[in-house]
């Protein structure tokens, strides 16, 4: 892969993310929620690997921080994941103290299920009582890990690892190793039991990012690594010939979804670099990257990204989720590209 081509692709994705998309739920970056949060996490990574300044991130926080005061749910924690890096770069203690306050809220006040998992709470007018979704680890677990490393606060790191392990235990399909989308603690089942590709992407990508933050601060439970490797092996078996995954991975007749595929491939590449898995996973990520080149529109938008997706009533319903450009689609694609910059 030509490095100049990869750099150009990353530049196009970021440029499109930073444009004014006011009123477009998927692409409006000036909201305090998970959708822009995933985009911000990827842009932070992009600026770091390209050794660029982070003024765009600082300006985003200054424009939008007042909005954070009106919402405090698990999904809205995602933007705070860039705060540790902003503190290190600027020395502004506001980022540090705000990050601490948010971590304290997550640990002591965020709603939990009977198993101790963070309940999946959202900014939309919807409630999912006693439900556990894979998304939560990326939206809140990554922040706890980063703040744990920055402050050397083991309680933050321990909670991040605890949540990761609980989610793996509740969501992992023992037969295939991959994850179901969600778990209902009240009824004790996986609801529609969809092996949804983007659900897997959140945890495949979050796990190495969390472990890298915490491995010098805390012992990493062996069960996390054992379950994670089984998950990777299962995911590899479902990759399609074009390098992507169907939106429900064990349904090859469903449309191939780019954001989940990119997130999984980014986790593959990161895990291979860490020596957790062999070259087969790195090669699989290479195939996804090649496919991604054909999935970028003329304006820099990532194509074939499924819209926001709750746990659907039936597996067939996942194939009816509309496709649209989104900041999380841009972000997961950018996280994959950053592994090659």
C-alpha atoms as a PDB file:
ATOM      1  CA  UNK A   1       0.000   0.000   0.000  1.00  0.00           C
ATOM      2  CA  UNK A   2       1.475   3.363  -1.036  1.00  0.00           C
ATOM      3  CA  UNK A   3       1.937   5.525   2.043  1.00  0.00           C
ATOM      4  CA  UNK A   4       1.031   8.658   0.100  1.00  0.00           C
ATOM      5  CA  UNK A   5      -2.283   7.078  -0.911  1.00  0.00           C
ATOM      6  CA  UNK A   6      -3.092   6.159   2.689  1.00  0.00           C
ATOM      7  CA  UNK A   7      -2.174   9.652   3.887  1.00  0.00           C
ATOM      8  CA  UNK A   8      -4.355  11.220   1.215  1.00  0.00           C
ATOM      9  CA  UNK A   9      -7.282   8.995   2.156  1.00  0.00           C
ATOM     10  CA  UNK A  10      -6.953   9.923   5.831  1.00  0.00           C
ATOM     11  CA  UNK A  11      -6.777  13.619   4.969  1.00  0.00           C
ATOM     12  CA  UNK A  12      -9.976  13.388   2.924  1.00  0.00           C
ATOM     13  CA  UNK A  13     -11.862  11.630   5.705  1.00  0.00           C
ATOM     14  CA  UNK A  14     -10.836  14.187   8.319  1.00  0.00           C
ATOM     15  CA  UNK A  15     -11.575  17.138   6.043  1.00  0.00           C
ATOM     16  CA  UNK A  16     -15.117  15.863   5.527  1.00  0.00           C
ATOM     17  CA  UNK A  17     -15.586  15.328   9.262  1.00  0.00           C
ATOM     18  CA  UNK A  18     -14.631  18.925  10.054  1.00  0.00           C
ATOM     19  CA  UNK A  19     -17.036  20.490   7.562  1.00  0.00           C
ATOM     20  CA  UNK A  20     -20.298  22.094   8.644  1.00  0.00           C
ATOM     21  CA  UNK A  21     -22.984  19.401   8.625  1.00  0.00           C
ATOM     22  CA  UNK A  22     -25.432  21.193  10.925  1.00  0.00           C
ATOM     23  CA  UNK A  23     -28.717  19.338  11.197  1.00  0.00           C
ATOM     24  CA  UNK A  24     -27.364  16.040   9.870  1.00  0.00           C
ATOM     25  CA  UNK A  25     -27.579  13.612  12.817  1.00  0.00           C
ATOM     26  CA  UNK A  26     -24.860  11.357  11.466  1.00  0.00           C
ATOM     27  CA  UNK A  27     -22.335  14.029  10.498  1.00  0.00           C
ATOM     28  CA  UNK A  28     -23.052  17.052  12.738  1.00  0.00           C
ATOM     29  CA  UNK A  29     -19.892  17.232  14.829  1.00  0.00           C
ATOM     30  CA  UNK A  30     -21.171  19.981  17.120  1.00  0.00           C
ATOM     31  CA  UNK A  31     -23.094  17.697  19.472  1.00  0.00           C
ATOM     32  CA  UNK A  32     -21.988  16.173  22.772  1.00  0.00           C
ATOM     33  CA  UNK A  33     -22.709  12.531  22.106  1.00  0.00           C
ATOM     34  CA  UNK A  34     -21.196   9.240  21.010  1.00  0.00           C
ATOM     35  CA  UNK A  35     -21.437   9.950  17.287  1.00  0.00           C
ATOM     36  CA  UNK A  36     -19.010  12.907  17.284  1.00  0.00           C
ATOM     37  CA  UNK A  37     -17.154  11.309  20.186  1.00  0.00           C
ATOM     38  CA  UNK A  38     -16.057   8.353  18.073  1.00  0.00           C
ATOM     39  CA  UNK A  39     -14.971  10.782  15.386  1.00  0.00           C
ATOM     40  CA  UNK A  40     -12.963  12.842  17.886  1.00  0.00           C
ATOM     41  CA  UNK A  41     -11.165   9.765  19.248  1.00  0.00           C
ATOM     42  CA  UNK A  42     -10.056   8.889  15.740  1.00  0.00           C
ATOM     43  CA  UNK A  43      -9.008  12.440  14.907  1.00  0.00           C
ATOM     44  CA  UNK A  44      -6.872  12.540  18.040  1.00  0.00           C
ATOM     45  CA  UNK A  45      -5.143   9.378  16.829  1.00  0.00           C
ATOM     46  CA  UNK A  46      -4.755  10.842  13.342  1.00  0.00           C
ATOM     47  CA  UNK A  47      -3.185  14.078  14.620  1.00  0.00           C
ATOM     48  CA  UNK A  48      -0.789  12.083  16.813  1.00  0.00           C
ATOM     49  CA  UNK A  49       0.483   9.744  14.108  1.00  0.00           C
ATOM     50  CA  UNK A  50       0.803  12.604  11.620  1.00  0.00           C
ATOM     51  CA  UNK A  51       2.512  14.759  14.283  1.00  0.00           C
ATOM     52  CA  UNK A  52       0.072  17.592  13.658  1.00  0.00           C
ATOM     53  CA  UNK A  53      -1.289  20.180  16.078  1.00  0.00           C
ATOM     54  CA  UNK A  54      -4.557  19.504  17.857  1.00  0.00           C
ATOM     55  CA  UNK A  55      -6.116  22.951  17.532  1.00  0.00           C
ATOM     56  CA  UNK A  56      -9.232  21.493  15.880  1.00  0.00           C
ATOM     57  CA  UNK A  57      -9.899  19.344  18.959  1.00  0.00           C
ATOM     58  CA  UNK A  58      -9.354  22.226  21.364  1.00  0.00           C
ATOM     59  CA  UNK A  59     -11.659  24.450  19.336  1.00  0.00           C
ATOM     60  CA  UNK A  60     -14.300  21.704  19.281  1.00  0.00           C
ATOM     61  CA  UNK A  61     -14.280  21.416  23.069  1.00  0.00           C
ATOM     62  CA  UNK A  62     -14.473  25.185  23.512  1.00  0.00           C
ATOM     63  CA  UNK A  63     -17.462  25.368  21.151  1.00  0.00           C
ATOM     64  CA  UNK A  64     -19.368  22.468  22.635  1.00  0.00           C
ATOM     65  CA  UNK A  65     -18.444  22.038  26.303  1.00  0.00           C
ATOM     66  CA  UNK A  66     -21.516  23.933  27.477  1.00  0.00           C
ATOM     67  CA  UNK A  67     -23.640  21.198  25.864  1.00  0.00           C
ATOM     68  CA  UNK A  68     -21.995  18.567  28.040  1.00  0.00           C
ATOM     69  CA  UNK A  69     -23.607  20.051  31.136  1.00  0.00           C
ATOM     70  CA  UNK A  70     -27.113  19.082  30.067  1.00  0.00           C
ATOM     71  CA  UNK A  71     -26.520  15.393  29.369  1.00  0.00           C
ATOM     72  CA  UNK A  72     -24.848  12.645  31.368  1.00  0.00           C
ATOM     73  CA  UNK A  73     -25.417   9.167  29.997  1.00  0.00           C
ATOM     74  CA  UNK A  74     -22.986   6.380  29.110  1.00  0.00           C
ATOM     75  CA  UNK A  75     -23.117   7.125  25.391  1.00  0.00           C
ATOM     76  CA  UNK A  76     -22.244  10.795  25.947  1.00  0.00           C
ATOM     77  CA  UNK A  77     -18.993   9.874  27.698  1.00  0.00           C
ATOM     78  CA  UNK A  78     -17.193   9.241  24.393  1.00  0.00           C
ATOM     79  CA  UNK A  79     -16.000  12.830  23.742  1.00  0.00           C
ATOM     80  CA  UNK A  80     -14.238  12.932  27.129  1.00  0.00           C
ATOM     81  CA  UNK A  81     -11.841  10.215  25.931  1.00  0.00           C
ATOM     82  CA  UNK A  82      -9.757  12.915  24.222  1.00  0.00           C
ATOM     83  CA  UNK A  83      -9.359  14.929  27.445  1.00  0.00           C
ATOM     84  CA  UNK A  84      -6.245  13.120  28.746  1.00  0.00           C
ATOM     85  CA  UNK A  85      -4.394  13.889  25.521  1.00  0.00           C
ATOM     86  CA  UNK A  86      -5.592  17.497  25.530  1.00  0.00           C
ATOM     87  CA  UNK A  87      -4.326  17.921  29.088  1.00  0.00           C
ATOM     88  CA  UNK A  88      -0.917  16.484  28.195  1.00  0.00           C
ATOM     89  CA  UNK A  89      -0.648  18.745  25.141  1.00  0.00           C
ATOM     90  CA  UNK A  90      -1.888  21.969  26.733  1.00  0.00           C
ATOM     91  CA  UNK A  91      -1.255  21.627  30.472  1.00  0.00           C
ATOM     92  CA  UNK A  92      -4.741  23.060  31.026  1.00  0.00           C
ATOM     93  CA  UNK A  93      -5.935  21.588  34.331  1.00  0.00           C
ATOM     94  CA  UNK A  94      -9.561  22.013  33.311  1.00  0.00           C
ATOM     95  CA  UNK A  95      -9.247  18.920  31.104  1.00  0.00           C
ATOM     96  CA  UNK A  96      -7.724  16.953  33.978  1.00  0.00           C
ATOM     97  CA  UNK A  97     -10.276  17.978  36.597  1.00  0.00           C
ATOM     98  CA  UNK A  98     -13.230  17.538  34.257  1.00  0.00           C
ATOM     99  CA  UNK A  99     -11.963  14.103  33.290  1.00  0.00           C
ATOM    100  CA  UNK A 100     -11.723  13.157  36.964  1.00  0.00           C
ATOM    101  CA  UNK A 101     -15.238  14.397  37.697  1.00  0.00           C
ATOM    102  CA  UNK A 102     -16.654  12.409  34.805  1.00  0.00           C
ATOM    103  CA  UNK A 103     -14.836   9.226  35.846  1.00  0.00           C
ATOM    104  CA  UNK A 104     -16.190   9.624  39.362  1.00  0.00           C
ATOM    105  CA  UNK A 105     -19.701   9.945  37.940  1.00  0.00           C
ATOM    106  CA  UNK A 106     -19.241   6.860  35.783  1.00  0.00           C
ATOM    107  CA  UNK A 107     -17.998   4.724  38.673  1.00  0.00           C
ATOM    108  CA  UNK A 108     -20.312   5.944  41.416  1.00  0.00           C
ATOM    109  CA  UNK A 109     -23.488   7.189  39.713  1.00  0.00           C
ATOM    110  CA  UNK A 110     -23.949   5.685  36.243  1.00  0.00           C
ATOM    111  CA  UNK A 111     -26.857   3.182  36.232  1.00  0.00           C
ATOM    112  CA  UNK A 112     -25.803  -0.463  36.417  1.00  0.00           C
ATOM    113  CA  UNK A 113     -27.453  -3.767  35.729  1.00  0.00           C
ATOM    114  CA  UNK A 114     -27.782  -6.488  38.350  1.00  0.00           C
ATOM    115  CA  UNK A 115     -24.504  -8.022  37.064  1.00  0.00           C
ATOM    116  CA  UNK A 116     -22.658  -4.744  37.670  1.00  0.00           C
ATOM    117  CA  UNK A 117     -22.382  -3.754  34.004  1.00  0.00           C
ATOM    118  CA  UNK A 118     -23.047  -0.174  33.014  1.00  0.00           C
ATOM    119  CA  UNK A 119     -26.589   0.019  31.713  1.00  0.00           C
ATOM    120  CA  UNK A 120     -26.702   1.295  28.144  1.00  0.00           C
ATOM    121  CA  UNK A 121     -28.105   4.820  28.514  1.00  0.00           C
ATOM    122  CA  UNK A 122     -28.461   7.215  25.578  1.00  0.00           C
ATOM    123  CA  UNK A 123     -29.236  10.854  24.816  1.00  0.00           C
ATOM    124  CA  UNK A 124     -32.211   9.948  22.633  1.00  0.00           C
ATOM    125  CA  UNK A 125     -35.720   9.554  24.043  1.00  0.00           C
ATOM    126  CA  UNK A 126     -35.271   5.843  24.608  1.00  0.00           C
ATOM    127  CA  UNK A 127     -34.581   3.648  27.612  1.00  0.00           C
ATOM    128  CA  UNK A 128     -33.021   0.198  27.709  1.00  0.00           C
ATOM    129  CA  UNK A 129     -33.386  -0.910  31.346  1.00  0.00           C
ATOM    130  CA  UNK A 130     -31.100  -3.735  32.437  1.00  0.00           C
ATOM    131  CA  UNK A 131     -29.577  -3.937  28.944  1.00  0.00           C
ATOM    132  CA  UNK A 132     -25.865  -4.414  28.243  1.00  0.00           C
ATOM    133  CA  UNK A 133     -24.529  -3.344  24.830  1.00  0.00           C
ATOM    134  CA  UNK A 134     -21.038  -3.826  23.441  1.00  0.00           C
ATOM    135  CA  UNK A 135     -20.865  -0.121  22.524  1.00  0.00           C
ATOM    136  CA  UNK A 136     -20.342   0.872  26.159  1.00  0.00           C
ATOM    137  CA  UNK A 137     -16.743  -0.348  26.319  1.00  0.00           C
ATOM    138  CA  UNK A 138     -15.665   2.046  23.579  1.00  0.00           C
ATOM    139  CA  UNK A 139     -17.810   4.928  24.829  1.00  0.00           C
ATOM    140  CA  UNK A 140     -16.860   4.772  28.524  1.00  0.00           C
ATOM    141  CA  UNK A 141     -14.278   2.042  29.135  1.00  0.00           C
ATOM    142  CA  UNK A 142     -11.633   3.743  27.005  1.00  0.00           C
ATOM    143  CA  UNK A 143     -12.007   7.003  28.931  1.00  0.00           C
ATOM    144  CA  UNK A 144     -11.592   5.217  32.276  1.00  0.00           C
ATOM    145  CA  UNK A 145      -8.437   3.493  31.030  1.00  0.00           C
ATOM    146  CA  UNK A 146      -6.901   6.685  29.696  1.00  0.00           C
ATOM    147  CA  UNK A 147      -7.665   8.646  32.847  1.00  0.00           C
ATOM    148  CA  UNK A 148      -6.375   5.762  34.939  1.00  0.00           C
ATOM    149  CA  UNK A 149      -3.036   5.861  33.180  1.00  0.00           C
ATOM    150  CA  UNK A 150      -2.804   9.652  33.227  1.00  0.00           C
ATOM    151  CA  UNK A 151      -3.595  10.010  36.927  1.00  0.00           C
ATOM    152  CA  UNK A 152      -2.204   6.622  38.027  1.00  0.00           C
ATOM    153  CA  UNK A 153      -5.583   6.074  39.644  1.00  0.00           C
ATOM    154  CA  UNK A 154      -5.947   2.310  39.782  1.00  0.00           C
ATOM    155  CA  UNK A 155      -9.667   2.460  40.556  1.00  0.00           C
ATOM    156  CA  UNK A 156     -10.353   3.946  37.120  1.00  0.00           C
ATOM    157  CA  UNK A 157      -8.284   1.283  35.429  1.00  0.00           C
ATOM    158  CA  UNK A 158      -9.803  -1.513  37.491  1.00  0.00           C
ATOM    159  CA  UNK A 159     -13.317  -0.421  36.563  1.00  0.00           C
ATOM    160  CA  UNK A 160     -12.377  -0.288  32.879  1.00  0.00           C
ATOM    161  CA  UNK A 161     -11.035  -3.855  33.011  1.00  0.00           C
ATOM    162  CA  UNK A 162     -13.969  -5.016  35.128  1.00  0.00           C
ATOM    163  CA  UNK A 163     -16.478  -3.671  32.619  1.00  0.00           C
ATOM    164  CA  UNK A 164     -14.575  -5.206  29.713  1.00  0.00           C
ATOM    165  CA  UNK A 165     -14.609  -8.615  31.373  1.00  0.00           C
ATOM    166  CA  UNK A 166     -18.291  -8.407  32.337  1.00  0.00           C
ATOM    167  CA  UNK A 167     -19.232  -7.431  28.796  1.00  0.00           C
ATOM    168  CA  UNK A 168     -17.184 -10.254  27.305  1.00  0.00           C
ATOM    169  CA  UNK A 169     -18.770 -12.771  29.671  1.00  0.00           C
ATOM    170  CA  UNK A 170     -22.319 -11.596  28.982  1.00  0.00           C
ATOM    171  CA  UNK A 171     -22.053 -11.046  25.232  1.00  0.00           C
ATOM    172  CA  UNK A 172     -19.698 -13.740  23.962  1.00  0.00           C
ATOM    173  CA  UNK A 173     -21.190 -16.587  21.986  1.00  0.00           C
ATOM    174  CA  UNK A 174     -19.491 -19.672  23.372  1.00  0.00           C
ATOM    175  CA  UNK A 175     -20.001 -21.547  20.100  1.00  0.00           C
ATOM    176  CA  UNK A 176     -18.439 -19.070  17.644  1.00  0.00           C
ATOM    177  CA  UNK A 177     -16.427 -16.818  19.965  1.00  0.00           C
ATOM    178  CA  UNK A 178     -17.930 -13.627  18.527  1.00  0.00           C
ATOM    179  CA  UNK A 179     -20.220 -11.259  20.396  1.00  0.00           C
ATOM    180  CA  UNK A 180     -23.939 -10.801  20.362  1.00  0.00           C
ATOM    181  CA  UNK A 181     -25.195  -7.219  20.144  1.00  0.00           C
ATOM    182  CA  UNK A 182     -26.740  -7.076  23.598  1.00  0.00           C
ATOM    183  CA  UNK A 183     -27.871  -8.860  26.747  1.00  0.00           C
ATOM    184  CA  UNK A 184     -31.040  -8.316  28.750  1.00  0.00           C
ATOM    185  CA  UNK A 185     -30.210  -8.900  32.401  1.00  0.00           C
ATOM    186  CA  UNK A 186     -33.840  -8.992  33.452  1.00  0.00           C
ATOM    187  CA  UNK A 187     -34.897 -11.773  31.101  1.00  0.00           C
ATOM    188  CA  UNK A 188     -31.471 -13.409  30.928  1.00  0.00           C
ATOM    189  CA  UNK A 189     -31.046 -13.685  27.160  1.00  0.00           C
ATOM    190  CA  UNK A 190     -29.475 -11.989  24.120  1.00  0.00           C
ATOM    191  CA  UNK A 191     -32.803 -10.685  22.815  1.00  0.00           C
ATOM    192  CA  UNK A 192     -32.718 -11.158  19.011  1.00  0.00           C
ATOM    193  CA  UNK A 193     -29.296 -12.838  19.423  1.00  0.00           C
ATOM    194  CA  UNK A 194     -27.768 -10.987  16.483  1.00  0.00           C
ATOM    195  CA  UNK A 195     -24.049 -11.380  15.971  1.00  0.00           C
ATOM    196  CA  UNK A 196     -23.927  -7.768  14.855  1.00  0.00           C
ATOM    197  CA  UNK A 197     -20.694  -6.751  13.212  1.00  0.00           C
ATOM    198  CA  UNK A 198     -20.352  -3.236  14.640  1.00  0.00           C
ATOM    199  CA  UNK A 199     -20.974  -4.491  18.180  1.00  0.00           C
ATOM    200  CA  UNK A 200     -17.939  -6.711  17.739  1.00  0.00           C
ATOM    201  CA  UNK A 201     -15.949  -3.815  16.289  1.00  0.00           C
ATOM    202  CA  UNK A 202     -16.376  -1.694  19.422  1.00  0.00           C
ATOM    203  CA  UNK A 203     -14.797  -4.297  21.673  1.00  0.00           C
ATOM    204  CA  UNK A 204     -12.270  -5.669  19.164  1.00  0.00           C
ATOM    205  CA  UNK A 205     -10.812  -2.178  18.816  1.00  0.00           C
ATOM    206  CA  UNK A 206     -11.277  -1.034  22.417  1.00  0.00           C
ATOM    207  CA  UNK A 207      -9.544  -4.016  24.018  1.00  0.00           C
ATOM    208  CA  UNK A 208      -5.977  -3.412  22.744  1.00  0.00           C
ATOM    209  CA  UNK A 209      -6.392   0.330  23.303  1.00  0.00           C
ATOM    210  CA  UNK A 210      -7.429  -0.271  26.929  1.00  0.00           C
ATOM    211  CA  UNK A 211      -4.751  -2.885  27.598  1.00  0.00           C
ATOM    212  CA  UNK A 212      -2.022  -0.642  26.181  1.00  0.00           C
ATOM    213  CA  UNK A 213      -3.098   2.109  28.568  1.00  0.00           C
ATOM    214  CA  UNK A 214      -3.208  -0.109  31.653  1.00  0.00           C
ATOM    215  CA  UNK A 215      -0.589  -2.842  31.270  1.00  0.00           C
ATOM    216  CA  UNK A 216       2.006  -0.866  33.257  1.00  0.00           C
ATOM    217  CA  UNK A 217      -0.513   0.106  35.938  1.00  0.00           C
ATOM    218  CA  UNK A 218      -2.456  -3.092  36.589  1.00  0.00           C
ATOM    219  CA  UNK A 219      -2.316  -6.817  35.878  1.00  0.00           C
ATOM    220  CA  UNK A 220      -4.513  -7.692  32.905  1.00  0.00           C
ATOM    221  CA  UNK A 221      -6.859 -10.596  33.772  1.00  0.00           C
ATOM    222  CA  UNK A 222      -5.945 -13.686  31.782  1.00  0.00           C
ATOM    223  CA  UNK A 223      -9.635 -14.327  31.109  1.00  0.00           C
ATOM    224  CA  UNK A 224      -9.856 -11.081  29.147  1.00  0.00           C
ATOM    225  CA  UNK A 225      -7.021 -12.130  26.875  1.00  0.00           C
ATOM    226  CA  UNK A 226      -8.335 -15.684  26.473  1.00  0.00           C
ATOM    227  CA  UNK A 227     -11.803 -14.489  25.548  1.00  0.00           C
ATOM    228  CA  UNK A 228     -10.425 -11.790  23.279  1.00  0.00           C
ATOM    229  CA  UNK A 229      -8.270 -14.182  21.266  1.00  0.00           C
ATOM    230  CA  UNK A 230     -11.242 -16.545  20.860  1.00  0.00           C
ATOM    231  CA  UNK A 231     -13.246 -13.582  19.652  1.00  0.00           C
ATOM    232  CA  UNK A 232     -10.606 -12.642  17.071  1.00  0.00           C
ATOM    233  CA  UNK A 233     -10.457 -16.206  15.771  1.00  0.00           C
ATOM    234  CA  UNK A 234     -14.225 -16.322  15.413  1.00  0.00           C
ATOM    235  CA  UNK A 235     -14.330 -12.997  13.604  1.00  0.00           C
ATOM    236  CA  UNK A 236     -11.662 -14.059  11.156  1.00  0.00           C
ATOM    237  CA  UNK A 237     -13.782 -17.042  10.117  1.00  0.00           C
ATOM    238  CA  UNK A 238     -16.652 -14.741   9.103  1.00  0.00           C
ATOM    239  CA  UNK A 239     -14.683 -12.290   6.921  1.00  0.00           C
ATOM    240  CA  UNK A 240     -16.041 -12.230   3.364  1.00  0.00           C
ATOM    241  CA  UNK A 241     -13.887 -12.542   0.262  1.00  0.00           C
ATOM    242  CA  UNK A 242     -14.100  -8.785  -0.381  1.00  0.00           C
ATOM    243  CA  UNK A 243     -12.406  -8.092   2.974  1.00  0.00           C
ATOM    244  CA  UNK A 244     -15.569  -6.854   4.698  1.00  0.00           C
ATOM    245  CA  UNK A 245     -18.161  -8.400   7.017  1.00  0.00           C
ATOM    246  CA  UNK A 246     -21.951  -8.515   6.557  1.00  0.00           C
ATOM    247  CA  UNK A 247     -23.825  -6.254   8.960  1.00  0.00           C
ATOM    248  CA  UNK A 248     -24.802  -9.460  10.805  1.00  0.00           C
ATOM    249  CA  UNK A 249     -21.687 -11.507  10.382  1.00  0.00           C
ATOM    250  CA  UNK A 250     -23.194 -14.966  10.143  1.00  0.00           C
ATOM    251  CA  UNK A 251     -25.644 -13.778   7.477  1.00  0.00           C
ATOM    252  CA  UNK A 252     -23.602 -13.571   4.255  1.00  0.00           C
ATOM    253  CA  UNK A 253     -26.777 -12.598   2.374  1.00  0.00           C
ATOM    254  CA  UNK A 254     -26.947  -9.289   4.322  1.00  0.00           C
ATOM    255  CA  UNK A 255     -25.288  -6.097   3.062  1.00  0.00           C
ATOM    256  CA  UNK A 256     -21.607  -5.639   3.825  1.00  0.00           C
ATOM    257  CA  UNK A 257     -21.145  -2.902   6.419  1.00  0.00           C
ATOM    258  CA  UNK A 258     -18.046  -0.710   6.325  1.00  0.00           C
ATOM    259  CA  UNK A 259     -17.834   0.864   9.793  1.00  0.00           C
ATOM    260  CA  UNK A 260     -17.951  -2.430  11.660  1.00  0.00           C
ATOM    261  CA  UNK A 261     -15.564  -4.020   9.182  1.00  0.00           C
ATOM    262  CA  UNK A 262     -13.055  -1.195   9.584  1.00  0.00           C
ATOM    263  CA  UNK A 263     -13.241  -1.359  13.377  1.00  0.00           C
ATOM    264  CA  UNK A 264     -12.657  -5.109  13.403  1.00  0.00           C
ATOM    265  CA  UNK A 265      -9.733  -4.788  10.994  1.00  0.00           C
ATOM    266  CA  UNK A 266      -8.193  -2.002  13.096  1.00  0.00           C
ATOM    267  CA  UNK A 267      -8.364  -4.311  16.115  1.00  0.00           C
ATOM    268  CA  UNK A 268      -6.793  -7.103  14.074  1.00  0.00           C
ATOM    269  CA  UNK A 269      -3.912  -4.887  12.986  1.00  0.00           C
ATOM    270  CA  UNK A 270      -3.318  -3.486  16.461  1.00  0.00           C
ATOM    271  CA  UNK A 271      -3.371  -6.961  18.028  1.00  0.00           C
ATOM    272  CA  UNK A 272      -0.909  -8.278  15.441  1.00  0.00           C
ATOM    273  CA  UNK A 273       1.458  -5.376  16.167  1.00  0.00           C
ATOM    274  CA  UNK A 274       1.262  -6.227  19.870  1.00  0.00           C
ATOM    275  CA  UNK A 275       2.195  -9.833  19.099  1.00  0.00           C
ATOM    276  CA  UNK A 276      -1.081 -11.260  20.368  1.00  0.00           C
ATOM    277  CA  UNK A 277      -1.934 -12.917  17.045  1.00  0.00           C
ATOM    278  CA  UNK A 278      -0.101 -13.980  13.901  1.00  0.00           C
ATOM    279  CA  UNK A 279       0.295 -12.520  10.449  1.00  0.00           C
ATOM    280  CA  UNK A 280      -2.995 -13.998   9.263  1.00  0.00           C
ATOM    281  CA  UNK A 281      -4.873 -11.295  11.164  1.00  0.00           C
ATOM    282  CA  UNK A 282      -2.634  -8.561   9.790  1.00  0.00           C
ATOM    283  CA  UNK A 283      -3.252  -9.884   6.284  1.00  0.00           C
ATOM    284  CA  UNK A 284      -6.995  -9.887   6.931  1.00  0.00           C
ATOM    285  CA  UNK A 285      -6.778  -6.222   7.952  1.00  0.00           C
ATOM    286  CA  UNK A 286      -4.856  -5.488   4.762  1.00  0.00           C
ATOM    287  CA  UNK A 287      -7.755  -6.905   2.741  1.00  0.00           C
ATOM    288  CA  UNK A 288     -10.207  -4.680   4.596  1.00  0.00           C
ATOM    289  CA  UNK A 289      -8.065  -1.623   3.919  1.00  0.00           C
ATOM    290  CA  UNK A 290      -7.968  -2.480   0.216  1.00  0.00           C
ATOM    291  CA  UNK A 291     -11.759  -2.746   0.230  1.00  0.00           C
ATOM    292  CA  UNK A 292     -12.020   0.587   2.054  1.00  0.00           C
ATOM    293  CA  UNK A 293     -10.393   2.398  -0.854  1.00  0.00           C
ATOM    294  CA  UNK A 294     -13.470   1.582  -2.904  1.00  0.00           C
ATOM    295  CA  UNK A 295     -15.840   2.717  -0.144  1.00  0.00           C
ATOM    296  CA  UNK A 296     -14.948   6.429   0.000  1.00  0.00           C
ATOM    297  CA  UNK A 297     -17.152   8.916  -1.808  1.00  0.00           C
ATOM    298  CA  UNK A 298     -16.052  11.928  -3.821  1.00  0.00           C
ATOM    299  CA  UNK A 299     -16.378  14.288  -0.830  1.00  0.00           C
ATOM    300  CA  UNK A 300     -14.444  12.026   1.530  1.00  0.00           C
ATOM    301  CA  UNK A 301     -17.494  10.338   3.050  1.00  0.00           C
ATOM    302  CA  UNK A 302     -17.327   6.686   4.088  1.00  0.00           C
ATOM    303  CA  UNK A 303     -20.015   4.772   2.244  1.00  0.00           C
ATOM    304  CA  UNK A 304     -22.168   1.792   3.278  1.00  0.00           C
ATOM    305  CA  UNK A 305     -22.289   2.656   6.967  1.00  0.00           C
ATOM    306  CA  UNK A 306     -25.418   1.560   8.809  1.00  0.00           C
ATOM    307  CA  UNK A 307     -27.283   4.218  10.762  1.00  0.00           C
ATOM    308  CA  UNK A 308     -27.727   4.139  14.533  1.00  0.00           C
ATOM    309  CA  UNK A 309     -28.808   0.643  15.494  1.00  0.00           C
ATOM    310  CA  UNK A 310     -30.449  -0.435  18.737  1.00  0.00           C
ATOM    311  CA  UNK A 311     -30.841  -4.120  19.488  1.00  0.00           C
ATOM    312  CA  UNK A 312     -33.393  -4.943  16.823  1.00  0.00           C
ATOM    313  CA  UNK A 313     -36.464  -7.137  17.429  1.00  0.00           C
ATOM    314  CA  UNK A 314     -35.367  -9.694  14.833  1.00  0.00           C
ATOM    315  CA  UNK A 315     -32.163 -10.491  12.976  1.00  0.00           C
ATOM    316  CA  UNK A 316     -33.879  -9.707   9.660  1.00  0.00           C
ATOM    317  CA  UNK A 317     -34.450  -6.141  10.881  1.00  0.00           C
ATOM    318  CA  UNK A 318     -30.702  -5.460  10.866  1.00  0.00           C
ATOM    319  CA  UNK A 319     -30.643  -5.812   7.094  1.00  0.00           C
ATOM    320  CA  UNK A 320     -33.217  -3.018   6.887  1.00  0.00           C
ATOM    321  CA  UNK A 321     -31.193  -0.435   8.811  1.00  0.00           C
ATOM    322  CA  UNK A 322     -30.645   2.506   6.431  1.00  0.00           C
ATOM    323  CA  UNK A 323     -27.179   3.436   5.204  1.00  0.00           C
ATOM    324  CA  UNK A 324     -25.791   6.954   5.694  1.00  0.00           C
ATOM    325  CA  UNK A 325     -22.479   8.777   6.244  1.00  0.00           C
ATOM    326  CA  UNK A 326     -21.758   9.183   9.964  1.00  0.00           C
ATOM    327  CA  UNK A 327     -18.960  10.450  12.143  1.00  0.00           C
ATOM    328  CA  UNK A 328     -18.568   7.023  13.709  1.00  0.00           C
ATOM    329  CA  UNK A 329     -18.272   5.531  10.239  1.00  0.00           C
ATOM    330  CA  UNK A 330     -15.595   8.075   9.403  1.00  0.00           C
ATOM    331  CA  UNK A 331     -13.961   7.436  12.771  1.00  0.00           C
ATOM    332  CA  UNK A 332     -13.755   3.656  12.595  1.00  0.00           C
ATOM    333  CA  UNK A 333     -12.417   3.854   9.032  1.00  0.00           C
ATOM    334  CA  UNK A 334      -9.853   6.423  10.160  1.00  0.00           C
ATOM    335  CA  UNK A 335      -8.738   4.208  13.051  1.00  0.00           C
ATOM    336  CA  UNK A 336      -7.961   1.466  10.544  1.00  0.00           C
ATOM    337  CA  UNK A 337      -6.104   3.841   8.236  1.00  0.00           C
ATOM    338  CA  UNK A 338      -4.053   5.181  11.149  1.00  0.00           C
ATOM    339  CA  UNK A 339      -2.605   1.712  11.650  1.00  0.00           C
ATOM    340  CA  UNK A 340      -0.913   2.170   8.259  1.00  0.00           C
ATOM    341  CA  UNK A 341       0.267   5.769   8.516  1.00  0.00           C
END
